[in-house]
Amino acid sequence: MTIRSTTGQSNAYKQFRGWVAQQKIVLDTWSSTPWKYYDYGPKDDDSIPLILIPGVAGTAEVYFKQMISLCPKGLRLLSVQPPDYSTYDGWCKGFDKFLSKFEFKKIHLFGSALGGYLAQVYAQYRPSTIQSLMLCNSFCDTTHYARNAPCVGMFPLMPEFMLKRLVLSNFSSTTSEPQIAESIDFMVEQLESLSGRDLSSRLTLNCTVVDLDPNRMTFDKRRILIIESLDDVSVPRKMREDLLKYYPDAKLAELKSGGNFSYLSRADEVNLHIQVHMRKWSVDSDSDPNDETRFTAVPKHLGKDEKVKREDTNRGKEEETYATKEETQRREEEVHTAEVEDRRQVEERGVEEYLRGEEEKQVEREEKVEREREEEKEETTLKVERRESRDKLSTSSIAPADVESVILTEAAPIATEPLGQKEEKRETKKGRKKTRSKIVLQTKAQESEADKIFGVSGQDNYLL
């Protein structure tokens, strides 16, 4: 698989691939598809591991940020990628076989989206194995998906590209945050590595309704942590609200943003919540759950001094963790305040520029009106001058035909012609008038003769 995303080319991902090797194990005789997983962290008998289950589009590599951050702090993590199970019963039995290979007595379970639902199903199937449960942008009922996918039985028959298109349709394409966009690009690359059988089995599980009963989960519901992003995610709001109602005693960790894959885009915050939750509940089942000062179990074989030393160390880790959390919150508040201030300044500058533009437009409109008024005034003055000139010439001895020419001559800004040229032009015009008069008299005489001969007028003759 070619890695092109920013996350896939990051130093953190390269460090993960250099630290942890992918392992495979075949558990089912009916299938040759193996379980793929990454196992990293201290492998002592006292530690309780955290099993990470991906969603529909995820692989075992999507939790690499959790592994390189939490494992050096003393936690053991296993990120798994199960084979193509199409039923919940088959998935639970296969997961049971996988855990039996490691002889785990207790486990922490973390799942996102469908992975969180599978974690709940297994917690109902084998509640005695669950130490705590962490659900990230998950749900507790698949009825919504089953109603919107009437062709569940057709998933195994669909081509691979169509199944990938169905999954990609739930990815957000309008985000503006770089970290969320990078997480989506990385998940798209992971989706490309999945086969058609993997996708069809996961979509079938996602659209299959199963009876999930919290009463059959016999462990303390306060051991459940719900991590939820408050921005746009593919899980509907009502389904996330139903999850909170389903586990009213669960602890809620809200992220202001993060999208569908907050364990990638907001890895530091998610890792902090996981670390605090695991250290709080990594105690024996018979211990007091209200004793929040105990982070990890103290082995029974240790002496009294060692126990006191371990408890002091745990208490110090708790104080350090909460101090780090407060520092993170303080930094987030500072960043949020700075963003609000920048937004306010941008809005103020925008209002000022708008008002300045409106003032310039108003000035331009006033100047245009003033120019039009001046032009209208000049045109009116010119008309008045022409009218006065016409009135003066009407009482003089100049012929009416020459009145207009004289008016135009006086109105036009040209040099005055010599007196001899004026008289010569006047004689020429008089000659033209006499010629026109003779032509008119001849035409009338011809019309009168035609009337006598044909008995009709010349005008009626033209109409014939």
Protein backbone atom coordinates (compact mmCIF):
# COMPACT_ATOMS: atom_id res chain seq x y z
CA MET A 1 0.00 0.00 0.00
CA THR A 2 1.39 3.40 -1.02
CA ILE A 3 1.34 5.95 1.81
CA ARG A 4 0.46 9.44 0.56
CA SER A 5 -1.28 11.13 3.52
CA THR A 6 0.46 13.52 5.89
CA THR A 7 -0.27 11.24 8.85
CA GLY A 8 1.11 8.21 7.03
CA GLN A 9 4.35 10.07 6.32
CA SER A 10 4.70 11.51 9.83
CA ASN A 11 7.56 10.64 12.14
CA ALA A 12 5.10 9.19 14.68
CA TYR A 13 3.80 6.63 12.17
CA LYS A 14 7.31 5.75 11.01
CA GLN A 15 8.35 5.35 14.64
CA PHE A 16 5.41 3.03 15.27
CA ARG A 17 6.25 0.86 12.27
CA GLY A 18 9.84 0.71 13.46
CA TRP A 19 8.96 -0.19 17.05
CA VAL A 20 6.08 -2.64 16.66
CA ALA A 21 5.82 -5.59 14.28
CA GLN A 22 2.52 -6.78 12.88
CA GLN A 23 1.61 -10.31 13.96
CA LYS A 24 -0.89 -12.79 12.50
CA ILE A 25 -2.64 -15.82 13.91
CA VAL A 26 -5.21 -18.18 12.35
CA LEU A 27 -7.78 -19.48 14.87
CA ASP A 28 -10.67 -20.79 12.76
CA THR A 29 -10.49 -24.05 10.84
CA TRP A 30 -13.17 -22.91 8.39
CA SER A 31 -11.26 -19.81 7.31
CA SER A 32 -7.66 -19.07 6.39
CA THR A 33 -8.08 -15.34 7.15
CA PRO A 34 -5.87 -14.52 10.14
CA TRP A 35 -6.27 -12.19 13.07
CA LYS A 36 -3.85 -9.28 12.59
CA TYR A 37 -2.68 -7.42 15.65
CA TYR A 38 0.03 -5.22 17.16
CA ASP A 39 1.16 -6.07 20.71
CA TYR A 40 3.28 -3.52 22.54
CA GLY A 41 4.02 -2.70 26.17
CA PRO A 42 5.22 -4.52 29.33
CA LYS A 43 4.09 -8.15 29.38
CA ASP A 44 4.09 -8.84 33.12
CA ASP A 45 1.45 -10.91 34.87
CA ASP A 46 0.08 -8.01 36.93
CA SER A 47 -0.76 -5.61 34.08
CA ILE A 48 -4.20 -5.64 32.50
CA PRO A 49 -3.96 -5.01 28.73
CA LEU A 50 -6.05 -2.65 26.66
CA ILE A 51 -7.57 -4.21 23.53
CA LEU A 52 -8.32 -1.71 20.73
CA ILE A 53 -11.05 -2.59 18.19
CA PRO A 54 -11.40 -0.47 14.99
CA GLY A 55 -14.59 0.58 13.22
CA VAL A 56 -15.84 -0.32 9.76
CA ALA A 57 -13.06 1.48 7.87
CA GLY A 58 -10.24 0.84 10.35
CA THR A 59 -7.32 -1.54 10.51
CA ALA A 60 -5.01 -2.50 13.36
CA GLU A 61 -2.76 0.44 12.46
CA VAL A 62 -5.26 3.23 13.14
CA TYR A 63 -4.42 3.27 16.88
CA PHE A 64 -0.69 3.82 16.39
CA LYS A 65 -0.79 7.17 18.23
CA GLN A 66 -2.20 5.47 21.33
CA MET A 67 0.47 2.76 21.25
CA ILE A 68 3.51 5.03 20.91
CA SER A 69 2.16 7.36 23.62
CA LEU A 70 0.73 5.03 26.27
CA CYS A 71 2.96 1.97 26.04
CA PRO A 72 6.16 3.81 27.14
CA LYS A 73 4.19 4.87 30.25
CA GLY A 74 3.80 1.27 31.40
CA LEU A 75 0.57 0.20 29.67
CA ARG A 76 0.19 -2.80 27.41
CA LEU A 77 -1.92 -2.28 24.26
CA LEU A 78 -3.13 -4.73 21.62
CA SER A 79 -4.64 -3.27 18.44
CA VAL A 80 -6.56 -6.01 16.63
CA GLN A 81 -7.99 -6.48 13.14
CA PRO A 82 -10.43 -9.41 13.16
CA PRO A 83 -11.20 -11.62 10.15
CA ASP A 84 -14.47 -11.50 8.20
CA TYR A 85 -17.11 -12.51 10.77
CA SER A 86 -20.67 -11.85 9.54
CA THR A 87 -22.50 -12.73 12.79
CA TYR A 88 -22.12 -11.44 16.32
CA ASP A 89 -22.08 -14.96 17.73
CA GLY A 90 -19.21 -15.92 15.43
CA TRP A 91 -17.34 -12.72 16.29
CA CYS A 92 -17.67 -13.27 20.06
CA LYS A 93 -16.47 -16.86 19.81
CA GLY A 94 -13.55 -15.89 17.58
CA PHE A 95 -12.56 -13.04 19.93
CA ASP A 96 -12.79 -15.45 22.85
CA LYS A 97 -10.34 -17.79 21.10
CA PHE A 98 -8.02 -14.88 20.38
CA LEU A 99 -7.90 -13.82 24.05
CA SER A 100 -7.43 -17.42 25.23
CA LYS A 101 -4.14 -17.57 23.29
CA PHE A 102 -2.76 -14.92 25.63
CA GLU A 103 -4.45 -16.32 28.76
CA PHE A 104 -5.80 -12.92 29.77
CA LYS A 105 -7.96 -13.01 32.88
CA LYS A 106 -9.08 -9.37 32.62
CA ILE A 107 -8.98 -6.86 29.80
CA HIS A 108 -9.81 -3.23 29.10
CA LEU A 109 -11.76 -2.76 25.87
CA PHE A 110 -11.65 0.31 23.64
CA GLY A 111 -13.73 0.60 20.48
CA SER A 112 -14.76 3.35 18.08
CA ALA A 113 -18.05 3.34 16.13
CA LEU A 114 -18.73 -0.34 15.19
CA GLY A 115 -15.72 -1.36 17.30
CA GLY A 116 -17.42 0.14 20.36
CA TYR A 117 -20.60 -1.77 19.60
CA LEU A 118 -18.65 -5.02 19.22
CA ALA A 119 -17.00 -4.30 22.58
CA GLN A 120 -20.43 -3.99 24.19
CA VAL A 121 -21.62 -7.22 22.58
CA TYR A 122 -18.58 -9.06 23.90
CA ALA A 123 -19.01 -7.47 27.35
CA GLN A 124 -22.51 -8.94 27.38
CA TYR A 125 -21.18 -12.29 26.10
CA ARG A 126 -18.29 -12.54 28.62
CA PRO A 127 -18.85 -9.92 31.37
CA SER A 128 -16.44 -11.56 33.83
CA THR A 129 -13.51 -10.75 31.54
CA ILE A 130 -14.19 -7.02 31.30
CA GLN A 131 -12.22 -4.75 33.62
CA SER A 132 -13.46 -1.54 31.97
CA LEU A 133 -15.03 -0.35 28.75
CA MET A 134 -14.20 2.71 26.61
CA LEU A 135 -16.53 3.75 23.76
CA CYS A 136 -15.45 6.45 21.31
CA ASN A 137 -18.19 8.00 19.10
CA SER A 138 -20.09 4.74 19.35
CA PHE A 139 -23.71 3.60 19.70
CA CYS A 140 -25.79 0.97 21.50
CA ASP A 141 -28.41 0.15 18.87
CA THR A 142 -28.08 -0.66 15.14
CA THR A 143 -31.78 -0.30 14.29
CA HIS A 144 -31.14 3.01 12.51
CA TYR A 145 -28.59 1.43 10.16
CA ALA A 146 -30.74 -1.66 9.59
CA ARG A 147 -33.71 0.49 8.49
CA ASN A 148 -31.59 2.51 6.07
CA ALA A 149 -29.93 -0.56 4.52
CA PRO A 150 -32.66 -2.90 3.26
CA CYS A 151 -30.15 -4.80 1.09
CA VAL A 152 -28.05 -6.21 3.95
CA GLY A 153 -28.07 -9.66 2.37
CA MET A 154 -26.59 -8.18 -0.81
CA PHE A 155 -23.37 -6.92 0.81
CA PRO A 156 -21.43 -10.18 0.12
CA LEU A 157 -22.45 -9.98 -3.57
CA MET A 158 -21.46 -6.36 -4.13
CA PRO A 159 -18.15 -5.52 -5.80
CA GLU A 160 -15.36 -4.14 -3.66
CA PHE A 161 -15.41 -0.62 -5.14
CA MET A 162 -19.13 -0.25 -4.36
CA LEU A 163 -18.63 -1.31 -0.73
CA LYS A 164 -15.81 1.22 -0.35
CA ARG A 165 -18.01 3.91 -1.87
CA LEU A 166 -20.69 3.15 0.74
CA VAL A 167 -18.18 3.58 3.54
CA LEU A 168 -16.64 6.73 2.06
CA SER A 169 -20.08 8.36 1.80
CA ASN A 170 -20.06 8.70 5.61
CA PHE A 171 -16.77 10.60 5.66
CA SER A 172 -17.04 14.34 6.10
CA SER A 173 -15.84 16.43 3.15
CA THR A 174 -16.50 19.92 4.55
CA THR A 175 -14.09 20.10 7.44
CA SER A 176 -11.69 23.04 7.63
CA GLU A 177 -9.44 21.80 10.46
CA PRO A 178 -6.14 20.39 9.16
CA GLN A 179 -5.85 17.66 11.81
CA ILE A 180 -9.33 16.30 11.09
CA ALA A 181 -8.70 16.41 7.34
CA GLU A 182 -5.41 14.53 7.80
CA SER A 183 -7.13 11.86 9.90
CA ILE A 184 -9.71 11.35 7.13
CA ASP A 185 -6.97 11.03 4.50
CA PHE A 186 -5.19 8.41 6.62
CA MET A 187 -8.42 6.42 7.12
CA VAL A 188 -9.08 6.49 3.37
CA GLU A 189 -5.68 4.90 2.83
CA GLN A 190 -6.44 2.24 5.45
CA LEU A 191 -9.77 1.58 3.78
CA GLU A 192 -7.99 0.86 0.51
CA SER A 193 -6.07 -1.98 2.18
CA LEU A 194 -9.26 -3.83 3.22
CA SER A 195 -10.69 -6.58 1.03
CA GLY A 196 -14.26 -6.87 -0.17
CA ARG A 197 -14.93 -9.74 2.27
CA ASP A 198 -13.74 -7.63 5.21
CA LEU A 199 -15.99 -4.71 4.24
CA SER A 200 -19.07 -6.84 3.52
CA SER A 201 -18.77 -8.63 6.88
CA ARG A 202 -18.34 -5.37 8.79
CA LEU A 203 -21.23 -3.66 7.01
CA THR A 204 -23.39 -6.72 7.70
CA LEU A 205 -22.57 -6.53 11.41
CA ASN A 206 -23.20 -2.77 11.40
CA CYS A 207 -26.70 -3.29 9.96
CA THR A 208 -27.70 -6.35 12.02
CA VAL A 209 -29.92 -5.79 15.05
CA VAL A 210 -28.96 -7.67 18.22
CA ASP A 211 -30.55 -7.66 21.67
CA LEU A 212 -28.16 -5.66 23.84
CA ASP A 213 -29.11 -5.78 27.52
CA PRO A 214 -27.00 -3.78 30.04
CA ASN A 215 -28.37 -5.91 32.88
CA ARG A 216 -26.44 -8.86 31.50
CA MET A 217 -23.23 -6.85 31.90
CA THR A 218 -22.62 -7.72 35.51
CA PHE A 219 -19.62 -5.42 36.03
CA ASP A 220 -19.88 -1.94 37.54
CA LYS A 221 -21.22 0.51 34.92
CA ARG A 222 -19.02 3.23 36.38
CA ARG A 223 -16.17 1.41 34.66
CA ILE A 224 -17.52 2.61 31.30
CA LEU A 225 -15.97 5.69 29.68
CA ILE A 226 -17.80 7.41 26.80
CA ILE A 227 -15.64 9.67 24.63
CA GLU A 228 -17.72 11.91 22.38
CA SER A 229 -16.84 14.60 19.82
CA LEU A 230 -19.23 17.54 19.82
CA ASP A 231 -18.74 18.44 16.16
CA ASP A 232 -19.95 16.72 12.99
CA VAL A 233 -19.68 12.90 13.19
CA SER A 234 -21.36 10.11 11.21
CA VAL A 235 -23.20 8.68 14.25
CA PRO A 236 -26.53 10.56 14.57
CA ARG A 237 -27.05 12.75 17.64
CA LYS A 238 -30.04 10.71 18.83
CA MET A 239 -28.01 7.48 18.84
CA ARG A 240 -25.28 9.11 20.93
CA GLU A 241 -27.88 10.44 23.36
CA ASP A 242 -29.37 6.94 23.62
CA LEU A 243 -25.92 5.61 24.54
CA LEU A 244 -25.73 8.04 27.48
CA LYS A 245 -29.21 6.99 28.60
CA TYR A 246 -28.23 3.34 28.24
CA TYR A 247 -25.34 3.78 30.69
CA PRO A 248 -26.37 6.59 33.07
CA ASP A 249 -23.53 5.81 35.50
CA ALA A 250 -20.82 5.95 32.82
CA LYS A 251 -18.23 8.70 32.79
CA LEU A 252 -18.49 11.14 29.88
CA ALA A 253 -15.48 12.80 28.24
CA GLU A 254 -16.47 15.44 25.68
CA LEU A 255 -14.17 16.81 23.00
CA LYS A 256 -14.96 20.17 21.43
CA SER A 257 -13.97 18.81 18.03
CA GLY A 258 -12.27 15.83 16.49
CA GLY A 259 -14.62 14.37 13.90
CA ASN A 260 -15.21 10.66 13.43
CA PHE A 261 -11.61 9.72 14.18
CA SER A 262 -10.78 11.74 17.29
CA TYR A 263 -8.22 9.10 18.37
CA LEU A 264 -6.17 10.39 15.42
CA SER A 265 -7.09 14.08 15.20
CA ARG A 266 -7.20 14.66 18.99
CA ALA A 267 -4.85 11.89 20.09
CA ASP A 268 -3.38 13.78 23.06
CA GLU A 269 -6.79 14.39 24.65
CA VAL A 270 -8.02 10.85 23.99
CA ASN A 271 -4.79 9.36 25.34
CA LEU A 272 -5.10 11.41 28.51
CA HIS A 273 -8.65 10.17 29.13
CA ILE A 274 -7.60 6.57 28.44
CA GLN A 275 -4.63 6.80 30.80
CA VAL A 276 -6.65 8.28 33.68
CA HIS A 277 -9.47 5.77 33.20
CA MET A 278 -7.17 2.74 33.03
CA ARG A 279 -5.12 3.73 36.05
CA LYS A 280 -8.30 4.35 38.00
CA TRP A 281 -9.83 0.97 37.20
CA SER A 282 -6.70 -1.20 36.95
CA VAL A 283 -7.50 -2.70 40.37
CA ASP A 284 -8.90 -6.01 41.50
CA SER A 285 -12.62 -6.57 41.12
CA ASP A 286 -13.12 -6.79 44.88
CA SER A 287 -11.44 -3.41 45.50
CA ASP A 288 -13.42 -0.33 46.41
CA PRO A 289 -14.24 1.53 43.17
CA ASN A 290 -14.67 4.79 45.08
CA ASP A 291 -11.00 4.72 46.10
CA GLU A 292 -9.70 7.00 43.35
CA THR A 293 -6.22 7.31 44.86
CA ARG A 294 -5.31 3.80 43.73
CA PHE A 295 -4.23 3.67 40.13
CA THR A 296 -2.72 0.23 39.75
CA ALA A 297 -3.05 -3.00 41.62
CA VAL A 298 -0.38 -3.71 44.25
CA PRO A 299 0.73 -7.34 43.89
CA LYS A 300 0.18 -9.43 47.02
CA HIS A 301 3.74 -10.83 47.04
CA LEU A 302 5.24 -7.39 47.69
CA GLY A 303 6.30 -6.48 51.22
CA LYS A 304 4.77 -3.70 53.28
CA ASP A 305 7.45 -1.16 52.44
CA GLU A 306 7.17 -1.95 48.74
CA LYS A 307 3.38 -1.56 48.90
CA VAL A 308 3.67 1.84 50.55
CA LYS A 309 6.27 2.87 47.98
CA ARG A 310 4.07 1.68 45.09
CA GLU A 311 1.03 3.54 46.50
CA ASP A 312 3.06 6.74 46.87
CA THR A 313 4.25 6.36 43.30
CA ASN A 314 0.72 5.85 42.06
CA ARG A 315 -0.50 8.87 44.00
CA GLY A 316 2.26 10.96 42.48
CA LYS A 317 1.33 9.74 39.01
CA GLU A 318 -2.28 10.70 39.68
CA GLU A 319 -1.33 14.22 40.73
CA GLU A 320 0.95 14.56 37.72
CA THR A 321 -1.80 13.33 35.39
CA TYR A 322 -4.40 15.75 36.70
CA ALA A 323 -1.87 18.60 36.62
CA THR A 324 -1.19 17.77 32.97
CA LYS A 325 -4.92 17.73 32.28
CA GLU A 326 -5.39 21.14 33.93
CA GLU A 327 -2.46 22.54 31.93
CA THR A 328 -4.00 21.17 28.72
CA GLN A 329 -7.36 22.73 29.54
CA ARG A 330 -5.70 26.04 30.35
CA ARG A 331 -3.88 26.06 27.01
CA GLU A 332 -7.08 25.21 25.18
CA GLU A 333 -8.85 28.11 26.88
CA GLU A 334 -6.03 30.48 25.91
CA VAL A 335 -6.18 29.31 22.30
CA HIS A 336 -9.97 29.65 22.28
CA THR A 337 -9.75 33.18 23.73
CA ALA A 338 -7.17 34.17 21.12
CA GLU A 339 -9.35 32.77 18.32
CA VAL A 340 -12.38 34.68 19.61
CA GLU A 341 -10.36 37.91 19.78
CA ASP A 342 -9.02 37.41 16.25
CA ARG A 343 -12.53 36.73 14.97
CA ARG A 344 -13.82 39.87 16.68
CA GLN A 345 -11.06 42.01 15.15
CA VAL A 346 -11.74 40.57 11.71
CA GLU A 347 -15.44 41.34 12.10
CA GLU A 348 -14.69 44.90 13.21
CA ARG A 349 -12.33 45.44 10.27
CA GLY A 350 -14.98 44.03 7.97
CA VAL A 351 -17.61 46.46 9.32
CA GLU A 352 -15.24 49.41 8.98
CA GLU A 353 -14.38 48.48 5.38
CA TYR A 354 -18.07 48.09 4.58
CA LEU A 355 -18.91 51.54 6.02
CA ARG A 356 -15.95 53.08 4.22
CA GLY A 357 -17.11 51.57 0.95
CA GLU A 358 -20.66 52.82 1.50
CA GLU A 359 -19.36 56.36 2.14
CA GLU A 360 -17.33 56.27 -1.08
CA LYS A 361 -20.36 55.07 -3.03
CA GLN A 362 -22.48 57.86 -1.52
CA VAL A 363 -19.87 60.48 -2.52
CA GLU A 364 -19.78 59.09 -6.06
CA ARG A 365 -23.58 59.22 -6.28
CA GLU A 366 -23.66 62.84 -5.07
CA GLU A 367 -20.96 63.85 -7.57
CA LYS A 368 -22.88 62.18 -10.39
CA VAL A 369 -26.10 63.98 -9.45
CA GLU A 370 -24.22 67.29 -9.30
CA ARG A 371 -22.73 66.71 -12.75
CA GLU A 372 -26.16 65.88 -14.18
CA ARG A 373 -27.59 69.05 -12.66
CA GLU A 374 -24.83 71.17 -14.16
CA GLU A 375 -25.30 69.59 -17.60
CA GLU A 376 -29.07 70.12 -17.40
CA LYS A 377 -28.50 73.75 -16.36
CA GLU A 378 -26.14 74.35 -19.28
CA GLU A 379 -28.59 72.75 -21.72
CA THR A 380 -31.43 74.93 -20.39
CA THR A 381 -29.30 78.07 -20.73
CA LEU A 382 -28.45 77.16 -24.31
CA LYS A 383 -32.12 76.62 -25.17
CA VAL A 384 -33.05 79.99 -23.68
CA GLU A 385 -30.35 81.74 -25.70
CA ARG A 386 -31.55 80.11 -28.91
CA ARG A 387 -35.15 81.07 -28.18
CA GLU A 388 -34.16 84.70 -27.57
CA SER A 389 -32.15 84.75 -30.80
CA ARG A 390 -35.12 83.35 -32.73
CA ASP A 391 -37.45 85.99 -31.26
CA LYS A 392 -35.07 88.79 -32.25
CA LEU A 393 -34.67 87.51 -35.81
CA SER A 394 -38.42 86.99 -36.29
CA THR A 395 -38.91 90.80 -36.14
CA SER A 396 -36.02 91.56 -38.51
CA SER A 397 -35.97 91.53 -42.39
CA ILE A 398 -34.19 88.14 -42.69
CA ALA A 399 -36.20 85.43 -44.49
CA PRO A 400 -37.73 82.67 -42.27
CA ALA A 401 -35.64 80.00 -43.96
CA ASP A 402 -32.50 81.80 -42.86
CA VAL A 403 -33.59 82.22 -39.25
CA GLU A 404 -32.46 78.78 -38.11
CA SER A 405 -29.14 79.07 -39.85
CA VAL A 406 -28.52 82.41 -38.25
CA ILE A 407 -29.44 81.07 -34.82
CA LEU A 408 -27.10 78.11 -35.20
CA THR A 409 -24.40 80.43 -36.51
CA GLU A 410 -24.75 82.69 -33.50
CA ALA A 411 -24.89 79.74 -31.06
CA ALA A 412 -21.88 77.98 -32.57
CA PRO A 413 -18.49 79.23 -31.37
CA ILE A 414 -17.06 79.97 -34.87
CA ALA A 415 -15.52 83.06 -36.46
CA THR A 416 -17.87 85.66 -38.11
CA GLU A 417 -17.89 85.51 -41.95
CA PRO A 418 -17.10 88.60 -44.08
CA LEU A 419 -20.03 90.76 -45.22
CA GLY A 420 -19.51 90.02 -48.96
CA GLN A 421 -19.73 86.27 -48.47
CA LYS A 422 -22.95 86.65 -46.50
CA GLU A 423 -24.65 88.65 -49.27
CA GLU A 424 -23.46 86.17 -51.91
CA LYS A 425 -24.96 83.24 -49.96
CA ARG A 426 -28.20 85.15 -49.46
CA GLU A 427 -28.54 85.77 -53.26
CA THR A 428 -27.88 82.07 -53.92
CA LYS A 429 -30.63 81.01 -51.52
CA LYS A 430 -33.10 83.46 -53.13
CA GLY A 431 -32.33 81.97 -56.55
CA ARG A 432 -32.97 78.46 -55.25
CA LYS A 433 -36.33 79.58 -53.80
CA LYS A 434 -37.41 81.11 -57.14
CA THR A 435 -36.50 77.86 -58.95
CA ARG A 436 -38.56 75.80 -56.47
CA SER A 437 -41.50 78.15 -56.89
CA LYS A 438 -41.45 77.74 -60.71
CA ILE A 439 -41.38 73.92 -60.37
CA VAL A 440 -44.36 74.02 -58.00
CA LEU A 441 -46.38 76.23 -60.38
CA GLN A 442 -45.66 73.92 -63.36
CA THR A 443 -46.71 70.85 -61.34
CA LYS A 444 -50.01 72.46 -60.35
CA ALA A 445 -50.73 73.42 -63.98
CA GLN A 446 -50.15 69.81 -65.11
CA GLU A 447 -52.47 68.49 -62.37
CA SER A 448 -55.25 70.85 -63.44
CA GLU A 449 -54.96 69.67 -67.07
CA ALA A 450 -55.17 66.04 -65.92
CA ASP A 451 -58.30 66.82 -63.98
CA LYS A 452 -59.92 68.21 -67.08
CA ILE A 453 -58.98 65.23 -69.23
CA PHE A 454 -59.68 62.30 -66.84
CA GLY A 455 -62.09 63.99 -64.52
CA VAL A 456 -60.08 62.94 -61.39
CA SER A 457 -57.56 64.69 -59.22
CA GLY A 458 -53.88 64.11 -59.51
CA GLN A 459 -53.75 62.69 -56.02
CA ASP A 460 -56.39 60.01 -56.81
CA ASN A 461 -54.45 59.15 -59.97
CA TYR A 462 -51.37 58.35 -57.88
CA LEU A 463 -53.47 56.09 -55.70
CA LEU A 464 -54.65 54.12 -58.79
